[in-house]
Amino acid sequence: MNPLTIATWNMENLDDRDNASWIVRKPILKRMLERINADILMLQEINTISALVDLISGTKYENFEFAHTKTEAGIPYALRNLGILSKWPIVDVKQYLHELVLPPMWRKVTAILMERICM
């Protein structure tokens, strides 16, 4: 029986908008990604989905199922998206925003803005 490997990785603001920086960073991250060798990989701080697509190109993760956080408009957030790469099909995704977090009772809060989201 083969073991199941699940890993999590904070991508530290994965972003390909600064091409000079991305050219240097990509091969280092790709080597790290290949060493992880996970069946399910949960990722944090993906700033651009295109950077992740570029990073996994040519690796075992290229054909994995992929789900990521989305705005109400159905597009990735501008910064710090969460993502999951899975060797197996992802059959459903539920994104929890503020509905599970109540405002602090000790002060009046007019609006709650949370940058972090759970999938």
PDB file of N, CA and C in Angstrom:
ATOM      1  N   MET A   1       0.843  -1.184   0.000  1.00  0.00           N
ATOM      2  CA  MET A   1       0.000   0.000   0.000  1.00  0.00           C
ATOM      3  C   MET A   1       0.884   1.243   0.000  1.00  0.00           C
ATOM      4  N   ASN A   2       0.604   2.170  -0.915  1.00  0.00           N
ATOM      5  CA  ASN A   2       1.381   3.399  -1.012  1.00  0.00           C
ATOM      6  C   ASN A   2       0.901   4.417   0.020  1.00  0.00           C
ATOM      7  N   PRO A   3       1.833   5.106   0.661  1.00  0.00           N
ATOM      8  CA  PRO A   3       1.416   6.138   1.621  1.00  0.00           C
ATOM      9  C   PRO A   3       0.834   7.354   0.899  1.00  0.00           C
ATOM     10  N   LEU A   4      -0.045   8.038   1.580  1.00  0.00           N
ATOM     11  CA  LEU A   4      -0.630   9.282   1.082  1.00  0.00           C
ATOM     12  C   LEU A   4       0.186  10.430   1.654  1.00  0.00           C
ATOM     13  N   THR A   5       0.645  11.318   0.798  1.00  0.00           N
ATOM     14  CA  THR A   5       1.436  12.456   1.257  1.00  0.00           C
ATOM     15  C   THR A   5       0.646  13.740   1.043  1.00  0.00           C
ATOM     16  N   ILE A   6       0.396  14.443   2.145  1.00  0.00           N
ATOM     17  CA  ILE A   6      -0.287  15.731   2.109  1.00  0.00           C
ATOM     18  C   ILE A   6       0.693  16.770   2.644  1.00  0.00           C
ATOM     19  N   ALA A   7       0.830  17.868   1.926  1.00  0.00           N
ATOM     20  CA  ALA A   7       1.778  18.906   2.336  1.00  0.00           C
ATOM     21  C   ALA A   7       1.141  20.282   2.229  1.00  0.00           C
ATOM     22  N   THR A   8       1.673  21.210   2.990  1.00  0.00           N
ATOM     23  CA  THR A   8       1.270  22.606   2.879  1.00  0.00           C
ATOM     24  C   THR A   8       2.523  23.444   2.685  1.00  0.00           C
ATOM     25  N   TRP A   9       2.370  24.525   1.930  1.00  0.00           N
ATOM     26  CA  TRP A   9       3.533  25.354   1.623  1.00  0.00           C
ATOM     27  C   TRP A   9       3.090  26.803   1.497  1.00  0.00           C
ATOM     28  N   ASN A  10       3.704  27.666   2.282  1.00  0.00           N
ATOM     29  CA  ASN A  10       3.491  29.105   2.142  1.00  0.00           C
ATOM     30  C   ASN A  10       4.416  29.578   1.025  1.00  0.00           C
ATOM     31  N   MET A  11       3.827  30.008  -0.081  1.00  0.00           N
ATOM     32  CA  MET A  11       4.593  30.374  -1.265  1.00  0.00           C
ATOM     33  C   MET A  11       5.269  31.746  -1.162  1.00  0.00           C
ATOM     34  N   GLU A  12       5.044  32.438  -0.037  1.00  0.00           N
ATOM     35  CA  GLU A  12       5.683  33.743   0.203  1.00  0.00           C
ATOM     36  C   GLU A  12       5.438  34.717  -0.956  1.00  0.00           C
ATOM     37  N   ASN A  13       4.167  35.035  -1.188  1.00  0.00           N
ATOM     38  CA  ASN A  13       3.780  36.002  -2.217  1.00  0.00           C
ATOM     39  C   ASN A  13       4.218  35.582  -3.621  1.00  0.00           C
ATOM     40  N   LEU A  14       3.823  34.383  -4.018  1.00  0.00           N
ATOM     41  CA  LEU A  14       4.148  33.864  -5.351  1.00  0.00           C
ATOM     42  C   LEU A  14       3.577  34.812  -6.404  1.00  0.00           C
ATOM     43  N   ASP A  15       4.451  35.338  -7.237  1.00  0.00           N
ATOM     44  CA  ASP A  15       4.047  36.397  -8.158  1.00  0.00           C
ATOM     45  C   ASP A  15       5.010  36.429  -9.336  1.00  0.00           C
ATOM     46  N   ASP A  16       4.479  36.562 -10.538  1.00  0.00           N
ATOM     47  CA  ASP A  16       5.334  36.640 -11.732  1.00  0.00           C
ATOM     48  C   ASP A  16       5.265  38.001 -12.428  1.00  0.00           C
ATOM     49  N   ARG A  17       4.728  39.007 -11.740  1.00  0.00           N
ATOM     50  CA  ARG A  17       4.589  40.322 -12.380  1.00  0.00           C
ATOM     51  C   ARG A  17       5.918  41.055 -12.512  1.00  0.00           C
ATOM     52  N   ASP A  18       6.871  40.776 -11.635  1.00  0.00           N
ATOM     53  CA  ASP A  18       8.219  41.347 -11.763  1.00  0.00           C
ATOM     54  C   ASP A  18       9.070  40.283 -12.448  1.00  0.00           C
ATOM     55  N   ASN A  19       9.187  40.383 -13.765  1.00  0.00           N
ATOM     56  CA  ASN A  19       9.818  39.341 -14.563  1.00  0.00           C
ATOM     57  C   ASN A  19      11.250  39.049 -14.135  1.00  0.00           C
ATOM     58  N   ALA A  20      12.021  40.069 -13.824  1.00  0.00           N
ATOM     59  CA  ALA A  20      13.421  39.858 -13.435  1.00  0.00           C
ATOM     60  C   ALA A  20      13.509  39.019 -12.162  1.00  0.00           C
ATOM     61  N   SER A  21      12.678  39.323 -11.207  1.00  0.00           N
ATOM     62  CA  SER A  21      12.648  38.560  -9.956  1.00  0.00           C
ATOM     63  C   SER A  21      12.132  37.141 -10.194  1.00  0.00           C
ATOM     64  N   TRP A  22      11.107  36.999 -11.025  1.00  0.00           N
ATOM     65  CA  TRP A  22      10.512  35.696 -11.289  1.00  0.00           C
ATOM     66  C   TRP A  22      11.500  34.755 -11.969  1.00  0.00           C
ATOM     67  N   ILE A  23      12.291  35.278 -12.880  1.00  0.00           N
ATOM     68  CA  ILE A  23      13.290  34.457 -13.591  1.00  0.00           C
ATOM     69  C   ILE A  23      14.281  33.848 -12.598  1.00  0.00           C
ATOM     70  N   VAL A  24      14.635  34.579 -11.566  1.00  0.00           N
ATOM     71  CA  VAL A  24      15.565  34.079 -10.549  1.00  0.00           C
ATOM     72  C   VAL A  24      14.856  33.125  -9.583  1.00  0.00           C
ATOM     73  N   ARG A  25      13.674  33.476  -9.183  1.00  0.00           N
ATOM     74  CA  ARG A  25      12.954  32.721  -8.150  1.00  0.00           C
ATOM     75  C   ARG A  25      12.382  31.387  -8.653  1.00  0.00           C
ATOM     76  N   LYS A  26      11.891  31.358  -9.878  1.00  0.00           N
ATOM     77  CA  LYS A  26      11.182  30.189 -10.405  1.00  0.00           C
ATOM     78  C   LYS A  26      11.987  28.890 -10.340  1.00  0.00           C
ATOM     79  N   PRO A  27      13.236  28.840 -10.807  1.00  0.00           N
ATOM     80  CA  PRO A  27      13.945  27.552 -10.764  1.00  0.00           C
ATOM     81  C   PRO A  27      14.191  27.050  -9.335  1.00  0.00           C
ATOM     82  N   ILE A  28      14.369  27.963  -8.404  1.00  0.00           N
ATOM     83  CA  ILE A  28      14.570  27.575  -7.002  1.00  0.00           C
ATOM     84  C   ILE A  28      13.286  26.967  -6.451  1.00  0.00           C
ATOM     85  N   LEU A  29      12.163  27.641  -6.691  1.00  0.00           N
ATOM     86  CA  LEU A  29      10.877  27.132  -6.223  1.00  0.00           C
ATOM     87  C   LEU A  29      10.518  25.812  -6.894  1.00  0.00           C
ATOM     88  N   LYS A  30      10.841  25.680  -8.167  1.00  0.00           N
ATOM     89  CA  LYS A  30      10.505  24.451  -8.899  1.00  0.00           C
ATOM     90  C   LYS A  30      11.237  23.258  -8.292  1.00  0.00           C
ATOM     91  N   ARG A  31      12.499  23.431  -7.937  1.00  0.00           N
ATOM     92  CA  ARG A  31      13.253  22.338  -7.305  1.00  0.00           C
ATOM     93  C   ARG A  31      12.624  21.960  -5.962  1.00  0.00           C
ATOM     94  N   MET A  32      12.224  22.964  -5.199  1.00  0.00           N
ATOM     95  CA  MET A  32      11.575  22.707  -3.906  1.00  0.00           C
ATOM     96  C   MET A  32      10.252  21.975  -4.116  1.00  0.00           C
ATOM     97  N   LEU A  33       9.488  22.410  -5.092  1.00  0.00           N
ATOM     98  CA  LEU A  33       8.191  21.804  -5.394  1.00  0.00           C
ATOM     99  C   LEU A  33       8.349  20.330  -5.751  1.00  0.00           C
ATOM    100  N   GLU A  34       9.327  20.019  -6.575  1.00  0.00           N
ATOM    101  CA  GLU A  34       9.544  18.639  -6.987  1.00  0.00           C
ATOM    102  C   GLU A  34       9.989  17.761  -5.818  1.00  0.00           C
ATOM    103  N   ARG A  35      10.741  18.326  -4.873  1.00  0.00           N
ATOM    104  CA  ARG A  35      11.175  17.557  -3.694  1.00  0.00           C
ATOM    105  C   ARG A  35      10.013  17.227  -2.768  1.00  0.00           C
ATOM    106  N   ILE A  36       8.998  18.075  -2.733  1.00  0.00           N
ATOM    107  CA  ILE A  36       7.853  17.836  -1.848  1.00  0.00           C
ATOM    108  C   ILE A  36       7.163  16.534  -2.217  1.00  0.00           C
ATOM    109  N   ASN A  37       6.950  16.307  -3.503  1.00  0.00           N
ATOM    110  CA  ASN A  37       6.392  15.054  -4.005  1.00  0.00           C
ATOM    111  C   ASN A  37       5.103  14.643  -3.269  1.00  0.00           C
ATOM    112  N   ALA A  38       4.166  15.571  -3.161  1.00  0.00           N
ATOM    113  CA  ALA A  38       2.912  15.327  -2.430  1.00  0.00           C
ATOM    114  C   ALA A  38       1.801  14.846  -3.357  1.00  0.00           C
ATOM    115  N   ASP A  39       0.854  14.139  -2.771  1.00  0.00           N
ATOM    116  CA  ASP A  39      -0.359  13.746  -3.487  1.00  0.00           C
ATOM    117  C   ASP A  39      -1.401  14.858  -3.438  1.00  0.00           C
ATOM    118  N   ILE A  40      -1.420  15.566  -2.326  1.00  0.00           N
ATOM    119  CA  ILE A  40      -2.272  16.744  -2.151  1.00  0.00           C
ATOM    120  C   ILE A  40      -1.389  17.847  -1.606  1.00  0.00           C
ATOM    121  N   LEU A  41      -1.387  18.981  -2.274  1.00  0.00           N
ATOM    122  CA  LEU A  41      -0.537  20.094  -1.875  1.00  0.00           C
ATOM    123  C   LEU A  41      -1.398  21.327  -1.654  1.00  0.00           C
ATOM    124  N   MET A  42      -1.390  21.839  -0.425  1.00  0.00           N
ATOM    125  CA  MET A  42      -2.166  23.029  -0.077  1.00  0.00           C
ATOM    126  C   MET A  42      -1.208  24.220  -0.043  1.00  0.00           C
ATOM    127  N   LEU A  43      -1.547  25.247  -0.793  1.00  0.00           N
ATOM    128  CA  LEU A  43      -0.648  26.376  -0.990  1.00  0.00           C
ATOM    129  C   LEU A  43      -1.240  27.663  -0.419  1.00  0.00           C
ATOM    130  N   GLN A  44      -0.364  28.504   0.109  1.00  0.00           N
ATOM    131  CA  GLN A  44      -0.759  29.797   0.662  1.00  0.00           C
ATOM    132  C   GLN A  44       0.011  30.902  -0.050  1.00  0.00           C
ATOM    133  N   GLU A  45      -0.565  32.081  -0.070  1.00  0.00           N
ATOM    134  CA  GLU A  45       0.059  33.301  -0.608  1.00  0.00           C
ATOM    135  C   GLU A  45       0.429  33.196  -2.084  1.00  0.00           C
ATOM    136  N   ILE A  46      -0.559  32.815  -2.892  1.00  0.00           N
ATOM    137  CA  ILE A  46      -0.393  32.823  -4.345  1.00  0.00           C
ATOM    138  C   ILE A  46      -0.936  34.168  -4.826  1.00  0.00           C
ATOM    139  N   ASN A  47      -0.063  35.050  -5.246  1.00  0.00           N
ATOM    140  CA  ASN A  47      -0.521  36.364  -5.713  1.00  0.00           C
ATOM    141  C   ASN A  47      -1.016  36.319  -7.150  1.00  0.00           C
ATOM    142  N   THR A  48      -0.359  35.551  -7.994  1.00  0.00           N
ATOM    143  CA  THR A  48      -0.828  35.413  -9.377  1.00  0.00           C
ATOM    144  C   THR A  48      -0.933  33.928  -9.713  1.00  0.00           C
ATOM    145  N   ILE A  49      -2.106  33.539 -10.178  1.00  0.00           N
ATOM    146  CA  ILE A  49      -2.338  32.148 -10.571  1.00  0.00           C
ATOM    147  C   ILE A  49      -1.412  31.788 -11.730  1.00  0.00           C
ATOM    148  N   SER A  50      -1.119  32.754 -12.585  1.00  0.00           N
ATOM    149  CA  SER A  50      -0.223  32.495 -13.721  1.00  0.00           C
ATOM    150  C   SER A  50       1.165  32.057 -13.252  1.00  0.00           C
ATOM    151  N   ALA A  51       1.623  32.569 -12.123  1.00  0.00           N
ATOM    152  CA  ALA A  51       2.926  32.157 -11.592  1.00  0.00           C
ATOM    153  C   ALA A  51       2.880  30.688 -11.180  1.00  0.00           C
ATOM    154  N   LEU A  52       1.788  30.272 -10.554  1.00  0.00           N
ATOM    155  CA  LEU A  52       1.673  28.869 -10.153  1.00  0.00           C
ATOM    156  C   LEU A  52       1.591  27.970 -11.379  1.00  0.00           C
ATOM    157  N   VAL A  53       0.815  28.362 -12.365  1.00  0.00           N
ATOM    158  CA  VAL A  53       0.704  27.572 -13.603  1.00  0.00           C
ATOM    159  C   VAL A  53       2.081  27.424 -14.249  1.00  0.00           C
ATOM    160  N   ASP A  54       2.831  28.508 -14.292  1.00  0.00           N
ATOM    161  CA  ASP A  54       4.182  28.480 -14.849  1.00  0.00           C
ATOM    162  C   ASP A  54       5.097  27.582 -14.005  1.00  0.00           C
ATOM    163  N   LEU A  55       4.976  27.694 -12.697  1.00  0.00           N
ATOM    164  CA  LEU A  55       5.827  26.926 -11.790  1.00  0.00           C
ATOM    165  C   LEU A  55       5.590  25.418 -11.917  1.00  0.00           C
ATOM    166  N   ILE A  56       4.345  24.998 -12.017  1.00  0.00           N
ATOM    167  CA  ILE A  56       4.061  23.556 -12.062  1.00  0.00           C
ATOM    168  C   ILE A  56       4.219  22.961 -13.458  1.00  0.00           C
ATOM    169  N   SER A  57       4.393  23.798 -14.467  1.00  0.00           N
ATOM    170  CA  SER A  57       4.574  23.317 -15.837  1.00  0.00           C
ATOM    171  C   SER A  57       5.784  22.384 -15.908  1.00  0.00           C
ATOM    172  N   GLY A  58       5.569  21.195 -16.457  1.00  0.00           N
ATOM    173  CA  GLY A  58       6.650  20.229 -16.599  1.00  0.00           C
ATOM    174  C   GLY A  58       6.908  19.400 -15.348  1.00  0.00           C
ATOM    175  N   THR A  59       6.101  19.584 -14.311  1.00  0.00           N
ATOM    176  CA  THR A  59       6.245  18.785 -13.091  1.00  0.00           C
ATOM    177  C   THR A  59       5.079  17.805 -12.990  1.00  0.00           C
ATOM    178  N   LYS A  60       5.128  16.928 -12.005  1.00  0.00           N
ATOM    179  CA  LYS A  60       4.025  15.980 -11.799  1.00  0.00           C
ATOM    180  C   LYS A  60       2.730  16.695 -11.459  1.00  0.00           C
ATOM    181  N   TYR A  61       2.822  17.922 -10.944  1.00  0.00           N
ATOM    182  CA  TYR A  61       1.641  18.679 -10.531  1.00  0.00           C
ATOM    183  C   TYR A  61       0.894  19.307 -11.713  1.00  0.00           C
ATOM    184  N   GLU A  62       1.499  19.312 -12.877  1.00  0.00           N
ATOM    185  CA  GLU A  62       0.905  19.959 -14.050  1.00  0.00           C
ATOM    186  C   GLU A  62      -0.488  19.414 -14.369  1.00  0.00           C
ATOM    187  N   ASN A  63      -0.708  18.136 -14.141  1.00  0.00           N
ATOM    188  CA  ASN A  63      -2.002  17.525 -14.453  1.00  0.00           C
ATOM    189  C   ASN A  63      -2.863  17.277 -13.224  1.00  0.00           C
ATOM    190  N   PHE A  64      -2.464  17.816 -12.080  1.00  0.00           N
ATOM    191  CA  PHE A  64      -3.266  17.686 -10.867  1.00  0.00           C
ATOM    192  C   PHE A  64      -4.498  18.574 -10.971  1.00  0.00           C
ATOM    193  N   GLU A  65      -5.539  18.206 -10.241  1.00  0.00           N
ATOM    194  CA  GLU A  65      -6.711  19.074 -10.099  1.00  0.00           C
ATOM    195  C   GLU A  65      -6.276  20.312  -9.310  1.00  0.00           C
ATOM    196  N   PHE A  66      -6.895  21.456  -9.612  1.00  0.00           N
ATOM    197  CA  PHE A  66      -6.509  22.698  -8.944  1.00  0.00           C
ATOM    198  C   PHE A  66      -7.745  23.489  -8.573  1.00  0.00           C
ATOM    199  N   ALA A  67      -7.781  23.936  -7.328  1.00  0.00           N
ATOM    200  CA  ALA A  67      -8.837  24.836  -6.857  1.00  0.00           C
ATOM    201  C   ALA A  67      -8.155  25.977  -6.108  1.00  0.00           C
ATOM    202  N   HIS A  68      -8.750  27.170  -6.200  1.00  0.00           N
ATOM    203  CA  HIS A  68      -8.167  28.321  -5.499  1.00  0.00           C
ATOM    204  C   HIS A  68      -9.277  29.265  -5.044  1.00  0.00           C
ATOM    205  N   THR A  69      -8.912  30.157  -4.147  1.00  0.00           N
ATOM    206  CA  THR A  69      -9.869  31.142  -3.651  1.00  0.00           C
ATOM    207  C   THR A  69     -10.273  32.089  -4.770  1.00  0.00           C
ATOM    208  N   LYS A  70     -11.513  32.600  -4.641  1.00  0.00           N
ATOM    209  CA  LYS A  70     -12.062  33.495  -5.666  1.00  0.00           C
ATOM    210  C   LYS A  70     -12.874  34.605  -5.003  1.00  0.00           C
ATOM    211  N   THR A  71     -12.925  35.729  -5.666  1.00  0.00           N
ATOM    212  CA  THR A  71     -13.770  36.824  -5.222  1.00  0.00           C
ATOM    213  C   THR A  71     -15.225  36.482  -5.544  1.00  0.00           C
ATOM    214  N   GLU A  72     -16.144  37.341  -5.119  1.00  0.00           N
ATOM    215  CA  GLU A  72     -17.551  37.127  -5.464  1.00  0.00           C
ATOM    216  C   GLU A  72     -17.775  37.164  -6.971  1.00  0.00           C
ATOM    217  N   ALA A  73     -16.867  37.820  -7.691  1.00  0.00           N
ATOM    218  CA  ALA A  73     -16.953  37.877  -9.152  1.00  0.00           C
ATOM    219  C   ALA A  73     -16.375  36.610  -9.809  1.00  0.00           C
ATOM    220  N   GLY A  74     -15.841  35.692  -8.989  1.00  0.00           N
ATOM    221  CA  GLY A  74     -15.329  34.436  -9.521  1.00  0.00           C
ATOM    222  C   GLY A  74     -13.907  34.484 -10.034  1.00  0.00           C
ATOM    223  N   ILE A  75     -13.170  35.541  -9.690  1.00  0.00           N
ATOM    224  CA  ILE A  75     -11.774  35.655 -10.126  1.00  0.00           C
ATOM    225  C   ILE A  75     -10.854  35.570  -8.906  1.00  0.00           C
ATOM    226  N   PRO A  76      -9.579  35.234  -9.116  1.00  0.00           N
ATOM    227  CA  PRO A  76      -8.655  35.184  -7.980  1.00  0.00           C
ATOM    228  C   PRO A  76      -8.518  36.557  -7.315  1.00  0.00           C
ATOM    229  N   TYR A  77      -8.233  36.548  -6.029  1.00  0.00           N
ATOM    230  CA  TYR A  77      -7.952  37.794  -5.323  1.00  0.00           C
ATOM    231  C   TYR A  77      -6.651  38.388  -5.852  1.00  0.00           C
ATOM    232  N   ALA A  78      -6.469  39.684  -5.664  1.00  0.00           N
ATOM    233  CA  ALA A  78      -5.264  40.361  -6.150  1.00  0.00           C
ATOM    234  C   ALA A  78      -4.016  39.876  -5.418  1.00  0.00           C
ATOM    235  N   LEU A  79      -4.176  39.469  -4.165  1.00  0.00           N
ATOM    236  CA  LEU A  79      -3.039  39.018  -3.358  1.00  0.00           C
ATOM    237  C   LEU A  79      -3.436  37.826  -2.494  1.00  0.00           C
ATOM    238  N   ARG A  80      -2.463  37.004  -2.166  1.00  0.00           N
ATOM    239  CA  ARG A  80      -2.540  35.955  -1.151  1.00  0.00           C
ATOM    240  C   ARG A  80      -3.706  34.983  -1.279  1.00  0.00           C
ATOM    241  N   ASN A  81      -3.859  34.408  -2.449  1.00  0.00           N
ATOM    242  CA  ASN A  81      -4.855  33.358  -2.651  1.00  0.00           C
ATOM    243  C   ASN A  81      -4.377  32.057  -2.006  1.00  0.00           C
ATOM    244  N   LEU A  82      -5.336  31.217  -1.663  1.00  0.00           N
ATOM    245  CA  LEU A  82      -5.052  29.856  -1.235  1.00  0.00           C
ATOM    246  C   LEU A  82      -5.318  28.939  -2.416  1.00  0.00           C
ATOM    247  N   GLY A  83      -4.593  27.842  -2.491  1.00  0.00           N
ATOM    248  CA  GLY A  83      -4.815  26.897  -3.569  1.00  0.00           C
ATOM    249  C   GLY A  83      -4.594  25.470  -3.109  1.00  0.00           C
ATOM    250  N   ILE A  84      -5.217  24.550  -3.798  1.00  0.00           N
ATOM    251  CA  ILE A  84      -5.026  23.128  -3.530  1.00  0.00           C
ATOM    252  C   ILE A  84      -4.756  22.431  -4.854  1.00  0.00           C
ATOM    253  N   LEU A  85      -3.680  21.671  -4.890  1.00  0.00           N
ATOM    254  CA  LEU A  85      -3.361  20.795  -6.017  1.00  0.00           C
ATOM    255  C   LEU A  85      -3.594  19.376  -5.536  1.00  0.00           C
ATOM    256  N   SER A  86      -4.360  18.594  -6.279  1.00  0.00           N
ATOM    257  CA  SER A  86      -4.704  17.246  -5.843  1.00  0.00           C
ATOM    258  C   SER A  86      -4.517  16.234  -6.964  1.00  0.00           C
ATOM    259  N   LYS A  87      -3.913  15.133  -6.612  1.00  0.00           N
ATOM    260  CA  LYS A  87      -3.740  14.020  -7.533  1.00  0.00           C
ATOM    261  C   LYS A  87      -5.099  13.420  -7.917  1.00  0.00           C
ATOM    262  N   TRP A  88      -6.077  13.568  -7.036  1.00  0.00           N
ATOM    263  CA  TRP A  88      -7.420  13.040  -7.247  1.00  0.00           C
ATOM    264  C   TRP A  88      -8.393  14.159  -7.569  1.00  0.00           C
ATOM    265  N   PRO A  89      -9.536  13.836  -8.148  1.00  0.00           N
ATOM    266  CA  PRO A  89     -10.515  14.875  -8.487  1.00  0.00           C
ATOM    267  C   PRO A  89     -10.965  15.677  -7.266  1.00  0.00           C
ATOM    268  N   ILE A  90     -11.136  16.947  -7.459  1.00  0.00           N
ATOM    269  CA  ILE A  90     -11.725  17.822  -6.448  1.00  0.00           C
ATOM    270  C   ILE A  90     -13.196  17.935  -6.836  1.00  0.00           C
ATOM    271  N   VAL A  91     -14.071  17.331  -6.055  1.00  0.00           N
ATOM    272  CA  VAL A  91     -15.474  17.243  -6.445  1.00  0.00           C
ATOM    273  C   VAL A  91     -16.309  18.424  -5.962  1.00  0.00           C
ATOM    274  N   ASP A  92     -15.844  19.150  -4.956  1.00  0.00           N
ATOM    275  CA  ASP A  92     -16.615  20.284  -4.452  1.00  0.00           C
ATOM    276  C   ASP A  92     -15.678  21.250  -3.738  1.00  0.00           C
ATOM    277  N   VAL A  93     -15.981  22.521  -3.844  1.00  0.00           N
ATOM    278  CA  VAL A  93     -15.195  23.552  -3.155  1.00  0.00           C
ATOM    279  C   VAL A  93     -16.163  24.467  -2.435  1.00  0.00           C
ATOM    280  N   LYS A  94     -15.910  24.725  -1.166  1.00  0.00           N
ATOM    281  CA  LYS A  94     -16.677  25.705  -0.390  1.00  0.00           C
ATOM    282  C   LYS A  94     -15.689  26.681   0.207  1.00  0.00           C
ATOM    283  N   GLN A  95     -15.913  27.918  -0.042  1.00  0.00           N
ATOM    284  CA  GLN A  95     -15.035  28.972   0.448  1.00  0.00           C
ATOM    285  C   GLN A  95     -15.738  29.708   1.581  1.00  0.00           C
ATOM    286  N   TYR A  96     -15.131  29.719   2.747  1.00  0.00           N
ATOM    287  CA  TYR A  96     -15.710  30.380   3.915  1.00  0.00           C
ATOM    288  C   TYR A  96     -15.105  31.759   4.070  1.00  0.00           C
ATOM    289  N   LEU A  97     -15.959  32.757   4.082  1.00  0.00           N
ATOM    290  CA  LEU A  97     -15.481  34.118   4.258  1.00  0.00           C
ATOM    291  C   LEU A  97     -15.747  34.546   5.698  1.00  0.00           C
ATOM    292  N   HIS A  98     -16.566  35.529   5.886  1.00  0.00           N
ATOM    293  CA  HIS A  98     -16.799  36.085   7.217  1.00  0.00           C
ATOM    294  C   HIS A  98     -17.952  35.438   7.961  1.00  0.00           C
ATOM    295  N   GLU A  99     -18.710  34.590   7.299  1.00  0.00           N
ATOM    296  CA  GLU A  99     -19.933  34.103   7.922  1.00  0.00           C
ATOM    297  C   GLU A  99     -19.707  33.244   9.165  1.00  0.00           C
ATOM    298  N   LEU A 100     -18.501  32.737   9.365  1.00  0.00           N
ATOM    299  CA  LEU A 100     -18.232  31.913  10.543  1.00  0.00           C
ATOM    300  C   LEU A 100     -17.556  32.684  11.671  1.00  0.00           C
ATOM    301  N   VAL A 101     -17.267  33.943  11.441  1.00  0.00           N
ATOM    302  CA  VAL A 101     -16.547  34.723  12.443  1.00  0.00           C
ATOM    303  C   VAL A 101     -17.431  35.870  12.923  1.00  0.00           C
ATOM    304  N   LEU A 102     -17.711  35.884  14.197  1.00  0.00           N
ATOM    305  CA  LEU A 102     -18.523  36.951  14.774  1.00  0.00           C
ATOM    306  C   LEU A 102     -17.636  38.116  15.193  1.00  0.00           C
ATOM    307  N   PRO A 103     -18.160  39.339  15.177  1.00  0.00           N
ATOM    308  CA  PRO A 103     -17.350  40.473  15.621  1.00  0.00           C
ATOM    309  C   PRO A 103     -17.081  40.371  17.114  1.00  0.00           C
ATOM    310  N   PRO A 104     -15.983  40.947  17.583  1.00  0.00           N
ATOM    311  CA  PRO A 104     -15.689  40.933  19.020  1.00  0.00           C
ATOM    312  C   PRO A 104     -16.820  41.598  19.795  1.00  0.00           C
ATOM    313  N   MET A 105     -17.178  41.023  20.916  1.00  0.00           N
ATOM    314  CA  MET A 105     -18.285  41.544  21.715  1.00  0.00           C
ATOM    315  C   MET A 105     -17.875  42.747  22.559  1.00  0.00           C
ATOM    316  N   TRP A 106     -16.605  42.957  22.741  1.00  0.00           N
ATOM    317  CA  TRP A 106     -16.144  44.020  23.623  1.00  0.00           C
ATOM    318  C   TRP A 106     -16.024  45.377  22.931  1.00  0.00           C
ATOM    319  N   ARG A 107     -16.264  45.433  21.644  1.00  0.00           N
ATOM    320  CA  ARG A 107     -16.234  46.726  20.959  1.00  0.00           C
ATOM    321  C   ARG A 107     -17.209  46.710  19.792  1.00  0.00           C
ATOM    322  N   LYS A 108     -17.641  47.877  19.418  1.00  0.00           N
ATOM    323  CA  LYS A 108     -18.554  47.995  18.292  1.00  0.00           C
ATOM    324  C   LYS A 108     -17.749  47.928  16.991  1.00  0.00           C
ATOM    325  N   VAL A 109     -18.180  47.071  16.110  1.00  0.00           N
ATOM    326  CA  VAL A 109     -17.504  46.902  14.832  1.00  0.00           C
ATOM    327  C   VAL A 109     -18.514  47.202  13.735  1.00  0.00           C
ATOM    328  N   THR A 110     -18.151  48.119  12.849  1.00  0.00           N
ATOM    329  CA  THR A 110     -19.063  48.458  11.760  1.00  0.00           C
ATOM    330  C   THR A 110     -18.840  47.575  10.532  1.00  0.00           C
ATOM    331  N   ALA A 111     -17.620  47.134  10.358  1.00  0.00           N
ATOM    332  CA  ALA A 111     -17.328  46.261   9.222  1.00  0.00           C
ATOM    333  C   ALA A 111     -16.158  45.369   9.593  1.00  0.00           C
ATOM    334  N   ILE A 112     -16.207  44.161   9.136  1.00  0.00           N
ATOM    335  CA  ILE A 112     -15.098  43.233   9.361  1.00  0.00           C
ATOM    336  C   ILE A 112     -14.505  42.907   7.995  1.00  0.00           C
ATOM    337  N   LEU A 113     -13.229  43.131   7.870  1.00  0.00           N
ATOM    338  CA  LEU A 113     -12.536  42.801   6.635  1.00  0.00           C
ATOM    339  C   LEU A 113     -11.461  41.787   6.960  1.00  0.00           C
ATOM    340  N   MET A 114     -11.597  40.622   6.400  1.00  0.00           N
ATOM    341  CA  MET A 114     -10.594  39.575   6.612  1.00  0.00           C
ATOM    342  C   MET A 114      -9.930  39.256   5.312  1.00  0.00           C
ATOM    343  N   GLU A 115      -8.620  39.262   5.345  1.00  0.00           N
ATOM    344  CA  GLU A 115      -7.884  38.961   4.149  1.00  0.00           C
ATOM    345  C   GLU A 115      -7.727  37.458   3.958  1.00  0.00           C
ATOM    346  N   ARG A 116      -7.653  36.709   5.031  1.00  0.00           N
ATOM    347  CA  ARG A 116      -7.435  35.264   4.949  1.00  0.00           C
ATOM    348  C   ARG A 116      -8.759  34.532   4.788  1.00  0.00           C
ATOM    349  N   ILE A 117      -8.741  33.512   3.986  1.00  0.00           N
ATOM    350  CA  ILE A 117      -9.944  32.751   3.665  1.00  0.00           C
ATOM    351  C   ILE A 117      -9.603  31.275   3.799  1.00  0.00           C
ATOM    352  N   CYS A 118     -10.533  30.486   4.236  1.00  0.00           N
ATOM    353  CA  CYS A 118     -10.365  29.039   4.320  1.00  0.00           C
ATOM    354  C   CYS A 118     -11.119  28.380   3.183  1.00  0.00           C
ATOM    355  N   MET A 119     -10.553  27.316   2.687  1.00  0.00           N
ATOM    356  CA  MET A 119     -11.239  26.528   1.662  1.00  0.00           C
ATOM    357  C   MET A 119     -11.581  25.189   2.224  1.00  0.00           C
TER     358      MET A 119
END
